[in-house]
Each structure stands twice: as C-alpha cells, then as structure tokens.
Amino acid sequence: MNTDGSDPVNLSNDDFANDRFLSWSPDGTRIAFESDRIGDFEIYTMDIEGSNVVNLTDDFANDRCPSWSPDGSLLAFASDRIGDFEIYTMNADGTNLIQLTDSPANDRSPSWSADGTWIVFETDRDANSEVYRIGVDGTGPVNLGNDAGIDWAPMWAP
C-alpha cells in the first residue's frame, strides 16, 4: 500500500494461511516471510508483486522471523528444529543452513546490523526476555539489555 494507507494490494492470496513477519530484501525486489500454508511455519520469498513464491525451508520444524542480510545474500531466522528456537542463517536461495546459537533457551527474532557483522535477537536464556548480540559466525554472545523488563523483537537502525 502507499504510505498513506491507500491502494492496499493482497500479495499472498492465500485465504487459509498465516503469512506474516515479512522482511524486504535490501534491493527492494523480494520479500521474505513466514507462512503456515503447508501446516507448520516455513520461510518463503516472493517478488514484490506477489509472484515467484519460493519455499526456502520445508521441514518438520517451525521456521520463523526471516531477516535479510544487508547485502541480500543471506537470511537469518529462528527455528525450533532441535526442540527450542535457535538462530540460523542460510543463503537467500535456501542453501547452506548454519546454526548460530545453541542454548537451552528460545532465541528468536534476529535482525542484522547495517554492516552485516552482527545479529541481534531476543532470548529467554536469562530467565526473562532479553536482547543479545552475536557475531554473524555465532561467536561472542552479549546481553545488551540485562534488565527486569521484557525486551523483544529487536531491530537495527539503518
């Protein structure tokens, strides 16, 4: 839709699916999103017109909250494929899956730094929801919040 809310266009055209948590590619030509159109939540991409829908993950797990890397070559996302939610990356075509986090807690909602060197995410590993930062190789987790409040869905400013 336009920024004033006029002329909305339905891109997913699937009345029975929950298509949500979309992320624009850096070049503005593709949208990544999560959808339960095949039962569990998987990561998809589509052109900005809603065509060329591609299922990037197709497994028994819930794959959630995709986020494009600044150069558009990778997607970070959360998945419960090992039981709890962890942060993963994969190539933008769905290949080369890499698990970045490994904790008994739930790690969710990844977001890339503008220079592509860090990922922030929400986690409950400290007994409440906090925002952590890790390197894109999964090293050096740091708790950025460390407070009694509930911190969730972190986003880097451009």
N, C-alpha and C. Protein backbone atom coordinates (compact mmCIF):
# COMPACT_ATOMS: atom_id res chain seq x y z
N MET A 1 0.84 -1.18 0.00
CA MET A 1 0.00 0.00 0.00
C MET A 1 0.88 1.25 0.00
N ASN A 2 0.31 2.33 -0.32
CA ASN A 2 1.03 3.59 -0.25
C ASN A 2 1.25 3.98 1.20
N THR A 3 2.16 4.89 1.44
CA THR A 3 2.48 5.29 2.81
C THR A 3 1.30 5.93 3.53
N ASP A 4 0.33 6.43 2.79
CA ASP A 4 -0.86 7.00 3.43
C ASP A 4 -1.95 5.95 3.66
N GLY A 5 -1.66 4.68 3.33
CA GLY A 5 -2.61 3.59 3.54
C GLY A 5 -3.53 3.33 2.37
N SER A 6 -3.41 4.11 1.32
CA SER A 6 -4.28 3.92 0.17
C SER A 6 -3.75 2.82 -0.76
N ASP A 7 -4.63 2.27 -1.55
CA ASP A 7 -4.33 1.27 -2.56
C ASP A 7 -3.63 0.01 -2.02
N PRO A 8 -4.19 -0.62 -0.98
CA PRO A 8 -3.58 -1.87 -0.50
C PRO A 8 -3.73 -2.98 -1.54
N VAL A 9 -2.73 -3.84 -1.62
CA VAL A 9 -2.74 -4.97 -2.55
C VAL A 9 -2.44 -6.24 -1.77
N ASN A 10 -3.26 -7.27 -1.94
CA ASN A 10 -3.04 -8.56 -1.31
C ASN A 10 -1.99 -9.31 -2.12
N LEU A 11 -0.84 -9.57 -1.53
CA LEU A 11 0.25 -10.24 -2.24
C LEU A 11 0.22 -11.75 -2.09
N SER A 12 -0.27 -12.24 -0.97
CA SER A 12 -0.16 -13.68 -0.74
C SER A 12 -1.33 -14.47 -1.33
N ASN A 13 -2.50 -13.88 -1.39
CA ASN A 13 -3.67 -14.52 -2.00
C ASN A 13 -3.93 -15.93 -1.48
N ASP A 14 -3.66 -16.18 -0.23
CA ASP A 14 -3.94 -17.48 0.38
C ASP A 14 -4.81 -17.22 1.60
N ASP A 15 -6.11 -17.44 1.44
CA ASP A 15 -7.07 -17.11 2.49
C ASP A 15 -6.92 -17.95 3.75
N PHE A 16 -6.26 -19.11 3.66
CA PHE A 16 -6.19 -20.02 4.80
C PHE A 16 -4.84 -20.02 5.50
N ALA A 17 -3.88 -19.29 4.98
CA ALA A 17 -2.54 -19.28 5.56
C ALA A 17 -2.31 -18.04 6.40
N ASN A 18 -1.46 -18.19 7.39
CA ASN A 18 -0.96 -17.05 8.15
C ASN A 18 0.37 -16.65 7.54
N ASP A 19 0.37 -15.65 6.70
CA ASP A 19 1.58 -15.11 6.08
C ASP A 19 1.95 -13.86 6.86
N ARG A 20 3.15 -13.87 7.49
CA ARG A 20 3.46 -12.75 8.37
C ARG A 20 4.97 -12.58 8.54
N PHE A 21 5.33 -11.58 9.35
CA PHE A 21 6.72 -11.24 9.67
C PHE A 21 7.55 -11.09 8.39
N LEU A 22 7.11 -10.19 7.53
CA LEU A 22 7.82 -10.01 6.28
C LEU A 22 9.06 -9.13 6.43
N SER A 23 10.00 -9.35 5.53
CA SER A 23 11.26 -8.61 5.53
C SER A 23 11.61 -8.29 4.07
N TRP A 24 11.79 -7.01 3.78
CA TRP A 24 12.15 -6.58 2.42
C TRP A 24 13.61 -6.87 2.13
N SER A 25 13.91 -7.36 0.94
CA SER A 25 15.31 -7.53 0.55
C SER A 25 15.94 -6.15 0.42
N PRO A 26 17.25 -6.04 0.63
CA PRO A 26 17.90 -4.73 0.56
C PRO A 26 17.73 -4.01 -0.77
N ASP A 27 17.61 -4.76 -1.86
CA ASP A 27 17.43 -4.11 -3.17
C ASP A 27 15.97 -3.84 -3.50
N GLY A 28 15.06 -4.23 -2.58
CA GLY A 28 13.64 -3.94 -2.75
C GLY A 28 12.91 -4.79 -3.77
N THR A 29 13.50 -5.90 -4.22
CA THR A 29 12.87 -6.72 -5.26
C THR A 29 12.19 -7.97 -4.73
N ARG A 30 12.49 -8.40 -3.48
CA ARG A 30 11.93 -9.62 -2.92
C ARG A 30 11.45 -9.37 -1.49
N ILE A 31 10.55 -10.18 -1.06
CA ILE A 31 10.05 -10.14 0.30
C ILE A 31 10.22 -11.55 0.88
N ALA A 32 10.83 -11.64 2.05
CA ALA A 32 10.89 -12.91 2.79
C ALA A 32 9.79 -12.85 3.85
N PHE A 33 9.18 -13.99 4.14
CA PHE A 33 8.10 -14.03 5.13
C PHE A 33 7.97 -15.44 5.67
N GLU A 34 7.26 -15.56 6.79
CA GLU A 34 6.93 -16.88 7.32
C GLU A 34 5.48 -17.17 6.99
N SER A 35 5.19 -18.45 6.75
CA SER A 35 3.82 -18.85 6.45
C SER A 35 3.59 -20.29 6.92
N ASP A 36 2.35 -20.55 7.34
CA ASP A 36 1.97 -21.92 7.71
C ASP A 36 1.12 -22.57 6.62
N ARG A 37 1.30 -22.17 5.40
CA ARG A 37 0.48 -22.67 4.29
C ARG A 37 0.62 -24.16 4.04
N ILE A 38 1.68 -24.81 4.54
CA ILE A 38 1.80 -26.26 4.39
C ILE A 38 1.69 -26.97 5.74
N GLY A 39 1.21 -26.27 6.76
CA GLY A 39 0.99 -26.87 8.07
C GLY A 39 1.78 -26.21 9.17
N ASP A 40 3.11 -26.28 9.10
CA ASP A 40 3.94 -25.60 10.09
C ASP A 40 4.52 -24.35 9.44
N PHE A 41 5.15 -23.50 10.23
CA PHE A 41 5.70 -22.26 9.67
C PHE A 41 7.02 -22.53 8.96
N GLU A 42 7.11 -22.04 7.74
CA GLU A 42 8.29 -22.16 6.90
C GLU A 42 8.66 -20.77 6.39
N ILE A 43 9.88 -20.64 5.86
CA ILE A 43 10.34 -19.37 5.30
C ILE A 43 10.14 -19.40 3.79
N TYR A 44 9.56 -18.34 3.27
CA TYR A 44 9.30 -18.18 1.84
C TYR A 44 9.87 -16.84 1.37
N THR A 45 10.07 -16.74 0.07
CA THR A 45 10.33 -15.44 -0.55
C THR A 45 9.38 -15.30 -1.73
N MET A 46 9.15 -14.06 -2.12
CA MET A 46 8.34 -13.77 -3.30
C MET A 46 8.79 -12.44 -3.88
N ASP A 47 8.47 -12.23 -5.16
CA ASP A 47 8.68 -10.93 -5.77
C ASP A 47 7.75 -9.93 -5.13
N ILE A 48 8.04 -8.65 -5.28
CA ILE A 48 7.21 -7.64 -4.63
C ILE A 48 5.80 -7.55 -5.21
N GLU A 49 5.57 -8.17 -6.37
CA GLU A 49 4.22 -8.22 -6.93
C GLU A 49 3.43 -9.41 -6.39
N GLY A 50 4.09 -10.27 -5.57
CA GLY A 50 3.43 -11.44 -5.03
C GLY A 50 3.62 -12.69 -5.88
N SER A 51 4.43 -12.60 -6.91
CA SER A 51 4.67 -13.76 -7.79
C SER A 51 6.00 -14.43 -7.41
N ASN A 52 6.27 -15.54 -8.08
CA ASN A 52 7.51 -16.29 -7.88
C ASN A 52 7.74 -16.62 -6.41
N VAL A 53 6.72 -17.22 -5.77
CA VAL A 53 6.81 -17.63 -4.37
C VAL A 53 7.69 -18.88 -4.28
N VAL A 54 8.70 -18.81 -3.41
CA VAL A 54 9.64 -19.91 -3.25
C VAL A 54 9.67 -20.33 -1.79
N ASN A 55 9.46 -21.63 -1.52
CA ASN A 55 9.56 -22.17 -0.17
C ASN A 55 11.03 -22.50 0.08
N LEU A 56 11.69 -21.75 0.97
CA LEU A 56 13.11 -21.95 1.23
C LEU A 56 13.37 -23.03 2.28
N THR A 57 12.46 -23.23 3.21
CA THR A 57 12.60 -24.28 4.21
C THR A 57 11.39 -25.18 4.11
N ASP A 58 11.59 -26.46 4.23
CA ASP A 58 10.48 -27.41 4.18
C ASP A 58 10.88 -28.58 5.07
N ASP A 59 10.57 -28.45 6.35
CA ASP A 59 10.97 -29.46 7.31
C ASP A 59 9.87 -29.62 8.34
N PHE A 60 10.09 -30.42 9.33
CA PHE A 60 9.11 -30.71 10.37
C PHE A 60 9.01 -29.60 11.41
N ALA A 61 9.90 -28.61 11.34
CA ALA A 61 10.00 -27.58 12.37
C ALA A 61 9.26 -26.31 11.98
N ASN A 62 9.17 -25.40 12.95
CA ASN A 62 8.66 -24.06 12.69
C ASN A 62 9.84 -23.14 12.44
N ASP A 63 9.89 -22.56 11.27
CA ASP A 63 10.93 -21.61 10.88
C ASP A 63 10.28 -20.24 10.83
N ARG A 64 10.85 -19.28 11.58
CA ARG A 64 10.13 -18.04 11.84
C ARG A 64 11.01 -16.81 11.65
N CYS A 65 10.40 -15.67 11.48
CA CYS A 65 11.00 -14.33 11.56
C CYS A 65 12.23 -14.15 10.66
N PRO A 66 12.09 -14.25 9.35
CA PRO A 66 13.25 -14.06 8.47
C PRO A 66 13.74 -12.61 8.47
N SER A 67 15.05 -12.46 8.29
CA SER A 67 15.67 -11.14 8.23
C SER A 67 16.79 -11.18 7.19
N TRP A 68 16.76 -10.28 6.22
CA TRP A 68 17.77 -10.23 5.15
C TRP A 68 19.08 -9.64 5.67
N SER A 69 20.19 -10.19 5.22
CA SER A 69 21.49 -9.56 5.47
C SER A 69 21.56 -8.29 4.63
N PRO A 70 22.40 -7.33 5.01
CA PRO A 70 22.47 -6.07 4.29
C PRO A 70 22.82 -6.20 2.81
N ASP A 71 23.59 -7.22 2.45
CA ASP A 71 23.94 -7.40 1.03
C ASP A 71 22.95 -8.29 0.29
N GLY A 72 21.94 -8.81 0.99
CA GLY A 72 20.89 -9.62 0.37
C GLY A 72 21.29 -11.05 0.07
N SER A 73 22.46 -11.47 0.49
CA SER A 73 22.92 -12.82 0.16
C SER A 73 22.45 -13.87 1.17
N LEU A 74 22.08 -13.45 2.38
CA LEU A 74 21.71 -14.38 3.45
C LEU A 74 20.40 -13.99 4.10
N LEU A 75 19.78 -14.97 4.72
CA LEU A 75 18.63 -14.74 5.58
C LEU A 75 18.95 -15.34 6.94
N ALA A 76 18.68 -14.59 8.00
CA ALA A 76 18.71 -15.13 9.36
C ALA A 76 17.27 -15.41 9.74
N PHE A 77 17.07 -16.44 10.56
CA PHE A 77 15.72 -16.77 11.01
C PHE A 77 15.82 -17.62 12.28
N ALA A 78 14.71 -17.83 12.93
CA ALA A 78 14.63 -18.67 14.12
C ALA A 78 13.93 -19.97 13.75
N SER A 79 14.38 -21.08 14.34
CA SER A 79 13.77 -22.37 14.08
C SER A 79 13.81 -23.23 15.34
N ASP A 80 12.77 -24.04 15.51
CA ASP A 80 12.73 -24.98 16.64
C ASP A 80 13.07 -26.40 16.19
N ARG A 81 13.87 -26.54 15.16
CA ARG A 81 14.19 -27.86 14.61
C ARG A 81 14.99 -28.76 15.55
N ILE A 82 15.59 -28.21 16.60
CA ILE A 82 16.28 -29.07 17.57
C ILE A 82 15.54 -29.09 18.91
N GLY A 83 14.32 -28.60 18.93
CA GLY A 83 13.49 -28.61 20.14
C GLY A 83 13.12 -27.23 20.61
N ASP A 84 14.11 -26.38 20.88
CA ASP A 84 13.85 -24.99 21.25
C ASP A 84 14.25 -24.11 20.06
N PHE A 85 13.85 -22.85 20.10
CA PHE A 85 14.17 -21.96 18.99
C PHE A 85 15.63 -21.52 19.08
N GLU A 86 16.34 -21.63 17.96
CA GLU A 86 17.72 -21.17 17.80
C GLU A 86 17.78 -20.28 16.57
N ILE A 87 18.86 -19.52 16.45
CA ILE A 87 19.06 -18.64 15.30
C ILE A 87 19.90 -19.36 14.25
N TYR A 88 19.46 -19.28 13.00
CA TYR A 88 20.14 -19.89 11.87
C TYR A 88 20.34 -18.85 10.78
N THR A 89 21.27 -19.12 9.89
CA THR A 89 21.37 -18.38 8.64
C THR A 89 21.34 -19.38 7.50
N MET A 90 21.00 -18.89 6.33
CA MET A 90 21.05 -19.68 5.10
C MET A 90 21.24 -18.71 3.95
N ASN A 91 21.71 -19.22 2.85
CA ASN A 91 21.79 -18.41 1.64
C ASN A 91 20.38 -17.98 1.25
N ALA A 92 20.26 -16.92 0.51
CA ALA A 92 18.95 -16.39 0.12
C ALA A 92 18.17 -17.34 -0.77
N ASP A 93 18.84 -18.38 -1.30
CA ASP A 93 18.14 -19.39 -2.10
C ASP A 93 17.77 -20.62 -1.26
N GLY A 94 18.03 -20.58 0.05
CA GLY A 94 17.66 -21.67 0.94
C GLY A 94 18.76 -22.70 1.18
N THR A 95 19.91 -22.54 0.56
CA THR A 95 21.01 -23.48 0.73
C THR A 95 21.94 -23.04 1.87
N ASN A 96 22.81 -23.94 2.28
CA ASN A 96 23.88 -23.66 3.24
C ASN A 96 23.34 -23.21 4.60
N LEU A 97 22.53 -24.05 5.21
CA LEU A 97 21.96 -23.78 6.53
C LEU A 97 23.06 -23.85 7.59
N ILE A 98 23.14 -22.82 8.45
CA ILE A 98 24.12 -22.78 9.54
C ILE A 98 23.41 -22.39 10.83
N GLN A 99 23.60 -23.19 11.87
CA GLN A 99 23.04 -22.88 13.19
C GLN A 99 24.01 -21.96 13.92
N LEU A 100 23.53 -20.78 14.36
CA LEU A 100 24.39 -19.80 15.04
C LEU A 100 24.33 -19.90 16.55
N THR A 101 23.16 -20.18 17.12
CA THR A 101 23.05 -20.25 18.58
C THR A 101 22.77 -21.68 19.00
N ASP A 102 23.11 -21.98 20.24
CA ASP A 102 22.85 -23.29 20.81
C ASP A 102 22.73 -23.13 22.32
N SER A 103 21.52 -22.86 22.77
CA SER A 103 21.28 -22.71 24.20
C SER A 103 19.99 -23.45 24.53
N PRO A 104 19.77 -23.79 25.79
CA PRO A 104 18.52 -24.47 26.16
C PRO A 104 17.32 -23.51 26.16
N ALA A 105 17.57 -22.26 25.89
CA ALA A 105 16.50 -21.25 25.86
C ALA A 105 15.98 -21.08 24.44
N ASN A 106 15.01 -20.21 24.28
CA ASN A 106 14.47 -19.87 22.97
C ASN A 106 15.10 -18.58 22.47
N ASP A 107 15.75 -18.65 21.32
CA ASP A 107 16.36 -17.49 20.65
C ASP A 107 15.52 -17.19 19.42
N ARG A 108 15.04 -15.95 19.30
CA ARG A 108 14.09 -15.60 18.24
C ARG A 108 14.35 -14.20 17.70
N SER A 109 13.64 -13.86 16.64
CA SER A 109 13.57 -12.51 16.07
C SER A 109 14.93 -11.90 15.72
N PRO A 110 15.71 -12.54 14.85
CA PRO A 110 17.02 -11.99 14.50
C PRO A 110 16.90 -10.74 13.63
N SER A 111 17.89 -9.87 13.75
CA SER A 111 17.98 -8.66 12.92
C SER A 111 19.45 -8.34 12.69
N TRP A 112 19.83 -8.04 11.45
CA TRP A 112 21.22 -7.79 11.07
C TRP A 112 21.63 -6.34 11.34
N SER A 113 22.88 -6.16 11.69
CA SER A 113 23.44 -4.80 11.76
C SER A 113 23.65 -4.31 10.32
N ALA A 114 23.71 -3.00 10.15
CA ALA A 114 23.84 -2.41 8.81
C ALA A 114 25.12 -2.83 8.10
N ASP A 115 26.18 -3.10 8.87
CA ASP A 115 27.43 -3.51 8.24
C ASP A 115 27.53 -5.03 8.07
N GLY A 116 26.52 -5.77 8.52
CA GLY A 116 26.48 -7.21 8.32
C GLY A 116 27.38 -8.01 9.23
N THR A 117 27.92 -7.41 10.29
CA THR A 117 28.84 -8.14 11.16
C THR A 117 28.18 -8.68 12.42
N TRP A 118 27.00 -8.19 12.77
CA TRP A 118 26.31 -8.59 13.99
C TRP A 118 24.86 -8.97 13.71
N ILE A 119 24.33 -9.80 14.58
CA ILE A 119 22.91 -10.10 14.59
C ILE A 119 22.42 -9.91 16.02
N VAL A 120 21.33 -9.17 16.18
CA VAL A 120 20.68 -9.09 17.48
C VAL A 120 19.47 -10.01 17.45
N PHE A 121 19.09 -10.50 18.62
CA PHE A 121 17.93 -11.39 18.72
C PHE A 121 17.39 -11.33 20.14
N GLU A 122 16.18 -11.81 20.28
CA GLU A 122 15.54 -11.88 21.59
C GLU A 122 15.74 -13.30 22.13
N THR A 123 15.97 -13.42 23.42
CA THR A 123 16.16 -14.73 24.03
C THR A 123 15.63 -14.73 25.45
N ASP A 124 15.24 -15.90 25.93
CA ASP A 124 14.82 -16.03 27.33
C ASP A 124 15.86 -16.81 28.13
N ARG A 125 17.12 -16.79 27.68
CA ARG A 125 18.17 -17.56 28.36
C ARG A 125 18.54 -17.01 29.73
N ASP A 126 18.15 -15.79 30.06
CA ASP A 126 18.44 -15.22 31.38
C ASP A 126 17.18 -15.13 32.24
N ALA A 127 16.25 -16.03 32.03
CA ALA A 127 15.01 -16.16 32.81
C ALA A 127 13.96 -15.10 32.48
N ASN A 128 14.29 -14.16 31.64
CA ASN A 128 13.26 -13.29 31.07
C ASN A 128 13.74 -12.87 29.69
N SER A 129 12.92 -12.24 28.94
CA SER A 129 13.25 -11.91 27.55
C SER A 129 14.25 -10.76 27.49
N GLU A 130 15.40 -11.03 26.91
CA GLU A 130 16.48 -10.05 26.77
C GLU A 130 16.92 -9.97 25.31
N VAL A 131 17.62 -8.91 24.96
CA VAL A 131 18.20 -8.77 23.62
C VAL A 131 19.68 -9.09 23.71
N TYR A 132 20.10 -9.99 22.85
CA TYR A 132 21.51 -10.39 22.75
C TYR A 132 22.05 -9.99 21.38
N ARG A 133 23.37 -9.86 21.32
CA ARG A 133 24.08 -9.61 20.07
C ARG A 133 25.11 -10.72 19.91
N ILE A 134 25.22 -11.25 18.68
CA ILE A 134 26.26 -12.22 18.36
C ILE A 134 26.91 -11.83 17.04
N GLY A 135 28.11 -12.34 16.82
CA GLY A 135 28.75 -12.19 15.52
C GLY A 135 28.02 -13.04 14.50
N VAL A 136 28.16 -12.73 13.23
CA VAL A 136 27.46 -13.50 12.20
C VAL A 136 27.97 -14.94 12.10
N ASP A 137 29.07 -15.23 12.76
CA ASP A 137 29.54 -16.61 12.83
C ASP A 137 29.06 -17.30 14.11
N GLY A 138 28.23 -16.63 14.89
CA GLY A 138 27.66 -17.20 16.11
C GLY A 138 28.52 -17.01 17.35
N THR A 139 29.61 -16.28 17.24
CA THR A 139 30.51 -16.11 18.39
C THR A 139 30.20 -14.84 19.17
N GLY A 140 30.68 -14.82 20.42
CA GLY A 140 30.63 -13.62 21.25
C GLY A 140 29.27 -13.14 21.65
N PRO A 141 28.36 -14.03 22.15
CA PRO A 141 27.05 -13.53 22.57
C PRO A 141 27.17 -12.56 23.74
N VAL A 142 26.46 -11.44 23.64
CA VAL A 142 26.48 -10.41 24.67
C VAL A 142 25.04 -10.00 24.97
N ASN A 143 24.68 -9.95 26.25
CA ASN A 143 23.37 -9.48 26.67
C ASN A 143 23.38 -7.96 26.64
N LEU A 144 22.56 -7.36 25.79
CA LEU A 144 22.54 -5.90 25.65
C LEU A 144 21.55 -5.23 26.59
N GLY A 145 20.58 -5.98 27.10
CA GLY A 145 19.56 -5.39 27.95
C GLY A 145 19.85 -5.58 29.42
N ASN A 146 19.84 -6.83 29.83
CA ASN A 146 20.14 -7.22 31.20
C ASN A 146 19.34 -6.41 32.22
N ASP A 147 18.02 -6.39 32.03
CA ASP A 147 17.16 -5.68 32.97
C ASP A 147 15.95 -6.53 33.30
N ALA A 148 15.13 -6.07 34.18
CA ALA A 148 13.97 -6.84 34.61
C ALA A 148 12.80 -6.76 33.62
N GLY A 149 12.88 -5.84 32.68
CA GLY A 149 11.81 -5.69 31.70
C GLY A 149 11.83 -6.78 30.65
N ILE A 150 10.79 -6.84 29.86
CA ILE A 150 10.72 -7.80 28.76
C ILE A 150 11.15 -7.09 27.48
N ASP A 151 12.25 -7.56 26.92
CA ASP A 151 12.78 -7.00 25.68
C ASP A 151 12.51 -7.98 24.56
N TRP A 152 11.98 -7.52 23.44
CA TRP A 152 11.68 -8.43 22.35
C TRP A 152 11.69 -7.73 21.01
N ALA A 153 11.78 -8.53 19.96
CA ALA A 153 11.76 -8.07 18.56
C ALA A 153 12.73 -6.93 18.29
N PRO A 154 14.02 -7.13 18.55
CA PRO A 154 14.99 -6.05 18.32
C PRO A 154 15.17 -5.76 16.83
N MET A 155 15.47 -4.52 16.51
CA MET A 155 15.72 -4.10 15.13
C MET A 155 16.89 -3.14 15.13
N TRP A 156 17.79 -3.29 14.16
CA TRP A 156 18.89 -2.32 13.99
C TRP A 156 18.38 -1.12 13.21
N ALA A 157 18.83 0.04 13.56
CA ALA A 157 18.51 1.22 12.77
C ALA A 157 19.38 1.20 11.51
N PRO A 158 18.85 1.68 10.38
CA PRO A 158 19.66 1.68 9.14
C PRO A 158 20.87 2.58 9.23
